[in-house]
């Protein structure tokens, strides 16, 4: 059921983005366009109404509903296949061209951002994520009660010990080595899941023992220590819902980088921020999938650390037509401001978590 729910989230994301960036259906060949527009009543003179843009021919069959769904999910108006490659290979050119007025060729920044967030939700629910875990054992362990989880850990450790005894007697056979590797990976995942249970804290922390200077933060931290799994679930869900808040939080920091330039304004910075956040979100999805299919964690970590600054540099240099030095120092400043914006977002999310 979780896979179906995740697939539904992905489809919903496409449809929401599709509603924000609506496409004009291609008129079916062979159908007349004479008459009035069914949407606004304007007399037609072609395949589309010149006033509202609606197609002259309107499908009214069950098959057309399926066609529209498939078209929205798999084609995304065809723009997605032009937008995504440029988003990762030439982000500066994509940003600059969209700001300059090339709107028909590319997916709008906000539509792409919404789609990337829904895609991230679907991916994390299917293969795990930063909170939910990336291994099967970790995701299954997170669903168990503390007693059941501890029982599974003890059973796995006992099986590992028995296999090690067999290996010592029979020699280091390949079959036993493979089975031991799988069991140790399972044990590691179960231990990671246990780390999110209350049983790992020898003494519950109360509000009175925490003093951050903010009563709200004290209460949230105490709640996190008391019920970490529930708290992290709420944190993740709230972060998804309010991910759009990263856009207005980021804008002042970007504006400061170009405070003395008269040729760029708030709109330019907003397009830059939304495309950048979309790239980071979709990059996280891609790395999560790679980790789930067995790509070495060190390689994933290297890409995760070096990828965002490199993307920011290329986008800054291309979008604002900067020199290498100008793009370099602004990249350093933007990376630092991104951490600060993330901290502000995290504090805001903490304040919105319901008890």
Protein backbone atom coordinates (compact mmCIF):
# COMPACT_ATOMS: atom_id res chain seq x y z
CA UNK A 1 0.00 0.00 0.00
CA UNK A 2 2.90 2.37 0.70
CA UNK A 3 4.11 1.93 -2.89
CA UNK A 4 0.64 2.80 -4.20
CA UNK A 5 0.49 5.83 -1.93
CA UNK A 6 3.90 6.98 -3.13
CA UNK A 7 2.92 6.53 -6.77
CA UNK A 8 -0.23 8.50 -6.11
CA UNK A 9 1.81 11.31 -4.57
CA UNK A 10 4.03 11.45 -7.64
CA UNK A 11 1.04 11.57 -10.00
CA UNK A 12 -0.61 14.23 -7.85
CA UNK A 13 2.55 16.29 -7.99
CA UNK A 14 2.56 16.21 -11.77
CA UNK A 15 -1.09 17.18 -11.93
CA UNK A 16 -0.66 20.06 -9.46
CA UNK A 17 2.31 21.36 -11.40
CA UNK A 18 0.32 20.80 -14.57
CA UNK A 19 -2.46 23.00 -13.20
CA UNK A 20 -0.03 25.81 -12.41
CA UNK A 21 1.66 25.56 -15.80
CA UNK A 22 -1.31 24.56 -18.00
CA UNK A 23 -0.72 23.15 -21.47
CA UNK A 24 -2.70 23.64 -24.63
CA UNK A 25 -3.90 20.35 -26.00
CA UNK A 26 -3.04 19.70 -29.62
CA UNK A 27 -6.14 19.78 -31.78
CA UNK A 28 -6.95 16.45 -33.34
CA UNK A 29 -6.25 16.36 -37.06
CA UNK A 30 -9.28 16.36 -39.30
CA UNK A 31 -11.62 18.17 -36.92
CA UNK A 32 -13.18 21.45 -37.96
CA UNK A 33 -12.42 24.61 -35.99
CA UNK A 34 -15.42 26.59 -37.21
CA UNK A 35 -17.78 28.05 -34.62
CA UNK A 36 -17.40 29.64 -31.22
CA UNK A 37 -14.95 28.90 -28.43
CA UNK A 38 -16.67 26.73 -25.84
CA UNK A 39 -14.81 28.49 -23.06
CA UNK A 40 -15.26 32.22 -23.77
CA UNK A 41 -17.56 32.37 -26.80
CA UNK A 42 -15.07 34.08 -29.12
CA UNK A 43 -15.42 33.21 -32.82
CA UNK A 44 -12.67 30.81 -33.82
CA UNK A 45 -10.28 31.28 -36.70
CA UNK A 46 -7.81 28.46 -36.11
CA UNK A 47 -6.93 25.49 -33.95
CA UNK A 48 -6.95 27.61 -30.77
CA UNK A 49 -8.95 30.53 -29.45
CA UNK A 50 -6.85 33.67 -29.78
CA UNK A 51 -8.41 35.19 -26.64
CA UNK A 52 -8.22 32.40 -24.02
CA UNK A 53 -6.02 29.80 -25.73
CA UNK A 54 -8.42 26.84 -25.47
CA UNK A 55 -8.26 24.24 -28.24
CA UNK A 56 -11.02 24.46 -30.81
CA UNK A 57 -11.75 20.75 -30.55
CA UNK A 58 -12.72 19.44 -27.11
CA UNK A 59 -12.64 15.69 -26.45
CA UNK A 60 -15.61 14.20 -24.60
CA UNK A 61 -14.77 10.50 -24.37
CA UNK A 62 -13.47 8.25 -21.61
CA UNK A 63 -10.40 7.56 -23.72
CA UNK A 64 -9.57 11.27 -23.71
CA UNK A 65 -9.39 11.23 -19.89
CA UNK A 66 -6.79 8.49 -20.02
CA UNK A 67 -4.94 10.37 -22.76
CA UNK A 68 -4.85 13.54 -20.67
CA UNK A 69 -3.57 11.64 -17.63
CA UNK A 70 -0.82 9.88 -19.58
CA UNK A 71 0.08 13.11 -21.32
CA UNK A 72 0.35 14.97 -18.02
CA UNK A 73 2.34 12.26 -16.20
CA UNK A 74 4.72 11.09 -18.91
CA UNK A 75 5.10 14.10 -21.18
CA UNK A 76 4.53 17.06 -18.87
CA UNK A 77 3.83 18.97 -22.06
CA UNK A 78 7.18 17.96 -23.50
CA UNK A 79 8.80 20.88 -21.69
CA UNK A 80 10.22 18.67 -18.96
CA UNK A 81 12.62 16.96 -21.38
CA UNK A 82 14.03 20.34 -22.42
CA UNK A 83 14.08 21.78 -18.92
CA UNK A 84 15.70 19.00 -16.86
CA UNK A 85 18.89 18.58 -18.92
CA UNK A 86 19.50 22.32 -18.84
CA UNK A 87 18.67 22.49 -15.12
CA UNK A 88 21.68 20.29 -14.35
CA UNK A 89 24.07 21.03 -17.22
CA UNK A 90 23.38 24.71 -18.02
CA UNK A 91 21.38 26.10 -15.07
CA UNK A 92 22.54 29.66 -15.69
CA UNK A 93 21.39 29.65 -19.31
CA UNK A 94 18.03 28.17 -18.32
CA UNK A 95 17.49 30.85 -15.67
CA UNK A 96 18.56 33.68 -17.97
CA UNK A 97 16.45 32.50 -20.91
CA UNK A 98 13.32 32.09 -18.77
CA UNK A 99 13.75 35.55 -17.28
CA UNK A 100 14.28 36.97 -20.76
CA UNK A 101 10.87 35.69 -21.83
CA UNK A 102 11.29 32.16 -23.23
CA UNK A 103 8.33 30.68 -21.38
CA UNK A 104 6.82 28.22 -23.88
CA UNK A 105 9.91 26.03 -24.19
CA UNK A 106 10.50 25.42 -20.47
CA UNK A 107 8.57 24.28 -17.41
CA UNK A 108 7.88 27.23 -15.15
CA UNK A 109 10.10 27.36 -12.04
CA UNK A 110 7.22 27.05 -9.57
CA UNK A 111 5.68 24.10 -11.42
CA UNK A 112 9.05 22.35 -11.49
CA UNK A 113 9.60 23.01 -7.79
CA UNK A 114 6.21 21.57 -6.81
CA UNK A 115 6.82 18.52 -8.96
CA UNK A 116 10.28 17.99 -7.44
CA UNK A 117 8.86 18.17 -3.89
CA UNK A 118 6.15 15.60 -4.64
CA UNK A 119 8.74 13.41 -6.34
CA UNK A 120 10.93 13.61 -3.25
CA UNK A 121 8.02 12.62 -1.01
CA UNK A 122 7.21 9.64 -3.25
CA UNK A 123 10.86 8.54 -3.36
CA UNK A 124 11.41 8.78 0.39
CA UNK A 125 8.22 6.81 1.09
CA UNK A 126 9.22 4.12 -1.41
CA UNK A 127 12.96 3.61 -0.88
CA UNK A 128 13.55 5.54 2.31
CA UNK A 129 15.23 8.85 2.96
CA UNK A 130 17.23 10.90 5.44
CA UNK A 131 14.72 10.15 8.21
CA UNK A 132 13.00 7.01 7.07
CA UNK A 133 16.17 5.04 6.35
CA UNK A 134 17.46 3.62 3.07
CA UNK A 135 17.73 -0.10 3.84
CA UNK A 136 14.84 -2.55 3.95
CA UNK A 137 15.74 -3.61 7.50
CA UNK A 138 15.84 -0.01 8.69
CA UNK A 139 12.45 0.83 7.18
CA UNK A 140 10.87 -2.37 8.56
CA UNK A 141 12.43 -1.84 11.98
CA UNK A 142 11.03 1.68 12.19
CA UNK A 143 7.53 0.17 12.03
CA UNK A 144 8.07 -2.26 14.94
CA UNK A 145 7.39 -1.77 18.62
CA UNK A 146 10.56 -1.39 20.78
CA UNK A 147 10.12 -4.91 22.21
CA UNK A 148 9.65 -6.49 18.78
CA UNK A 149 12.59 -4.55 17.39
CA UNK A 150 14.88 -5.68 20.22
CA UNK A 151 13.73 -9.27 19.66
CA UNK A 152 14.63 -9.02 15.95
CA UNK A 153 18.05 -7.58 16.82
CA UNK A 154 18.76 -10.40 19.31
CA UNK A 155 17.64 -13.04 16.82
CA UNK A 156 19.82 -11.59 14.05
CA UNK A 157 22.86 -11.40 16.35
CA UNK A 158 22.32 -15.04 17.37
CA UNK A 159 22.19 -16.11 13.72
CA UNK A 160 25.40 -14.18 13.03
CA UNK A 161 27.15 -15.90 15.96
CA UNK A 162 25.97 -19.34 14.77
CA UNK A 163 27.21 -18.66 11.25
CA UNK A 164 30.58 -17.47 12.54
CA UNK A 165 30.95 -20.77 14.45
CA UNK A 166 30.10 -22.72 11.29
CA UNK A 167 32.63 -20.66 9.34
CA UNK A 168 35.36 -21.38 11.89
CA UNK A 169 34.68 -25.12 11.68
CA UNK A 170 34.08 -25.48 7.96
CA UNK A 171 36.48 -22.83 6.75
CA UNK A 172 35.74 -19.43 5.22
CA UNK A 173 33.39 -20.64 2.49
CA UNK A 174 31.90 -18.21 -0.02
CA UNK A 175 28.33 -19.23 0.82
CA UNK A 176 28.75 -18.51 4.53
CA UNK A 177 30.54 -15.23 3.79
CA UNK A 178 27.66 -14.02 1.61
CA UNK A 179 25.07 -14.96 4.24
CA UNK A 180 27.10 -13.29 6.98
CA UNK A 181 27.36 -10.09 4.96
CA UNK A 182 23.59 -9.99 4.45
CA UNK A 183 22.86 -10.63 8.15
CA UNK A 184 25.32 -7.96 9.28
CA UNK A 185 23.68 -5.47 6.94
CA UNK A 186 20.29 -6.40 8.41
CA UNK A 187 21.63 -5.99 11.95
CA UNK A 188 23.04 -2.58 11.06
CA UNK A 189 19.69 -1.46 9.69
CA UNK A 190 17.83 -2.68 12.78
CA UNK A 191 20.29 -0.87 15.05
CA UNK A 192 19.73 2.33 13.06
CA UNK A 193 15.99 1.92 13.52
CA UNK A 194 16.50 1.35 17.24
CA UNK A 195 18.35 4.66 17.46
CA UNK A 196 15.02 6.36 16.74
CA UNK A 197 13.27 4.70 19.66
CA UNK A 198 12.93 5.91 23.21
CA UNK A 199 14.74 2.86 24.51
CA UNK A 200 18.10 4.36 23.54
CA UNK A 201 17.73 7.18 26.07
CA UNK A 202 18.55 6.06 29.59
CA UNK A 203 16.72 9.01 31.12
CA UNK A 204 13.86 10.97 29.54
CA UNK A 205 14.56 14.68 29.25
CA UNK A 206 11.92 17.07 30.57
CA UNK A 207 11.23 20.68 29.63
CA UNK A 208 12.71 21.89 32.91
CA UNK A 209 16.11 20.39 32.06
CA UNK A 210 16.40 22.34 28.78
CA UNK A 211 17.07 26.04 28.57
CA UNK A 212 17.59 27.46 25.08
CA UNK A 213 16.02 30.81 25.90
CA UNK A 214 12.85 29.91 24.01
CA UNK A 215 10.00 28.08 25.72
CA UNK A 216 8.76 26.83 22.35
CA UNK A 217 12.14 25.30 21.44
CA UNK A 218 12.52 23.80 24.93
CA UNK A 219 9.16 22.08 24.58
CA UNK A 220 9.93 20.77 21.09
CA UNK A 221 13.34 19.41 22.12
CA UNK A 222 11.85 17.62 25.12
CA UNK A 223 9.19 16.16 22.84
CA UNK A 224 11.91 14.98 20.42
CA UNK A 225 13.74 13.10 23.18
CA UNK A 226 10.55 11.64 24.61
CA UNK A 227 9.13 10.32 21.31
CA UNK A 228 11.86 10.60 18.66
CA UNK A 229 10.16 8.51 15.96
CA UNK A 230 6.90 10.43 16.24
CA UNK A 231 8.71 13.75 16.40
CA UNK A 232 10.83 13.02 13.31
CA UNK A 233 7.75 11.90 11.40
CA UNK A 234 6.00 15.17 12.24
CA UNK A 235 9.13 17.12 11.36
CA UNK A 236 9.40 15.46 7.96
CA UNK A 237 5.70 15.89 7.15
CA UNK A 238 5.69 19.57 8.16
CA UNK A 239 8.86 20.25 6.17
CA UNK A 240 7.21 18.81 3.04
CA UNK A 241 4.13 20.97 3.47
CA UNK A 242 6.04 24.20 4.00
CA UNK A 243 8.97 23.59 1.65
CA UNK A 244 7.79 26.55 -0.45
CA UNK A 245 8.78 28.82 2.46
CA UNK A 246 12.42 28.31 1.47
CA UNK A 247 11.80 30.61 -1.50
CA UNK A 248 10.97 33.83 0.39
CA UNK A 249 13.57 32.97 3.05
CA UNK A 250 16.29 32.75 0.39
CA UNK A 251 15.44 35.93 -1.51
CA UNK A 252 17.00 38.51 0.89
CA UNK A 253 20.31 36.63 0.88
CA UNK A 254 20.43 36.54 -2.94
CA UNK A 255 19.48 40.21 -3.13
CA UNK A 256 22.42 41.13 -0.89
CA UNK A 257 24.80 39.53 -3.40
CA UNK A 258 23.61 41.96 -6.08
CA UNK A 259 22.54 44.95 -4.00
CA UNK A 260 24.40 47.43 -6.26
CA UNK A 261 23.34 46.01 -9.61
CA UNK A 262 20.53 47.89 -11.31
CA UNK A 263 19.98 45.43 -14.15
CA UNK A 264 18.57 42.66 -11.92
CA UNK A 265 15.62 42.77 -9.56
CA UNK A 266 13.52 40.69 -7.15
CA UNK A 267 11.86 38.74 -9.96
CA UNK A 268 15.22 37.62 -11.35
CA UNK A 269 16.34 36.51 -7.89
CA UNK A 270 13.08 34.60 -7.34
CA UNK A 271 13.46 32.66 -10.61
CA UNK A 272 17.08 31.91 -9.70
CA UNK A 273 16.09 30.68 -6.21
CA UNK A 274 13.22 28.47 -7.40
CA UNK A 275 15.24 26.78 -10.15
CA UNK A 276 18.13 26.29 -7.71
CA UNK A 277 15.88 24.72 -5.06
CA UNK A 278 14.31 22.48 -7.71
CA UNK A 279 17.76 21.27 -8.76
CA UNK A 280 18.79 20.55 -5.16
CA UNK A 281 15.55 18.69 -4.46
CA UNK A 282 15.74 16.55 -7.58
CA UNK A 283 19.42 15.94 -6.96
CA UNK A 284 18.54 14.62 -3.50
CA UNK A 285 16.01 12.28 -5.09
CA UNK A 286 18.61 11.01 -7.55
CA UNK A 287 21.21 10.40 -4.84
CA UNK A 288 18.65 8.65 -2.65
CA UNK A 289 17.83 6.24 -5.47
CA UNK A 290 21.53 5.60 -6.14
CA UNK A 291 22.11 4.83 -2.47
CA UNK A 292 19.13 2.47 -2.42
CA UNK A 293 20.42 0.46 -5.39
CA UNK A 294 23.82 -0.05 -3.80
CA UNK A 295 26.06 2.77 -5.04
CA UNK A 296 28.88 3.26 -2.48
CA UNK A 297 28.01 5.72 0.27
CA UNK A 298 31.37 7.52 -0.02
CA UNK A 299 30.66 8.38 -3.64
CA UNK A 300 27.16 9.61 -2.71
CA UNK A 301 28.61 11.73 0.09
CA UNK A 302 31.21 13.26 -2.24
CA UNK A 303 28.56 14.24 -4.78
CA UNK A 304 26.31 15.55 -2.00
CA UNK A 305 29.08 17.82 -0.66
CA UNK A 306 30.58 19.05 -3.95
CA UNK A 307 27.52 19.02 -6.20
CA UNK A 308 25.50 21.94 -4.74
CA UNK A 309 28.38 24.48 -4.71
CA UNK A 310 29.34 23.55 -8.28
CA UNK A 311 25.73 23.93 -9.43
CA UNK A 312 25.41 27.29 -7.63
CA UNK A 313 28.61 28.51 -9.28
CA UNK A 314 27.47 27.56 -12.77
CA UNK A 315 24.00 29.02 -12.24
CA UNK A 316 25.31 32.28 -10.80
CA UNK A 317 27.88 32.71 -13.55
CA UNK A 318 25.42 32.04 -16.37
CA UNK A 319 22.28 33.69 -15.01
CA UNK A 320 23.92 36.95 -13.95
CA UNK A 321 26.74 36.97 -16.54
CA UNK A 322 29.48 37.09 -13.91
CA UNK A 323 33.21 36.70 -14.18
CA UNK A 324 34.81 33.60 -12.68
CA UNK A 325 35.99 35.54 -9.65
CA UNK A 326 32.60 37.24 -9.20
CA UNK A 327 30.80 33.91 -9.41
CA UNK A 328 33.30 32.23 -7.06
CA UNK A 329 33.00 34.63 -4.12
CA UNK A 330 29.23 34.81 -4.51
CA UNK A 331 29.10 31.00 -4.48
CA UNK A 332 30.92 30.92 -1.14
CA UNK A 333 28.55 33.55 0.24
CA UNK A 334 25.51 31.75 -1.18
CA UNK A 335 26.54 28.42 0.36
CA UNK A 336 26.90 30.09 3.76
CA UNK A 337 23.57 31.86 3.39
CA UNK A 338 21.95 28.56 2.34
CA UNK A 339 22.93 27.05 5.69
CA UNK A 340 21.51 30.07 7.48
CA UNK A 341 18.30 29.93 5.43
CA UNK A 342 18.04 26.22 6.21
CA UNK A 343 18.44 26.94 9.92
CA UNK A 344 15.70 29.58 9.80
CA UNK A 345 13.45 27.15 7.93
CA UNK A 346 14.15 24.41 10.48
CA UNK A 347 13.31 26.69 13.40
CA UNK A 348 10.12 27.76 11.63
CA UNK A 349 9.14 24.14 11.03
CA UNK A 350 9.78 23.34 14.70
CA UNK A 351 7.37 26.06 15.67
CA UNK A 352 4.64 24.63 13.42
CA UNK A 353 4.85 21.03 14.63
CA UNK A 354 1.65 20.15 16.46
CA UNK A 355 1.89 18.27 19.72
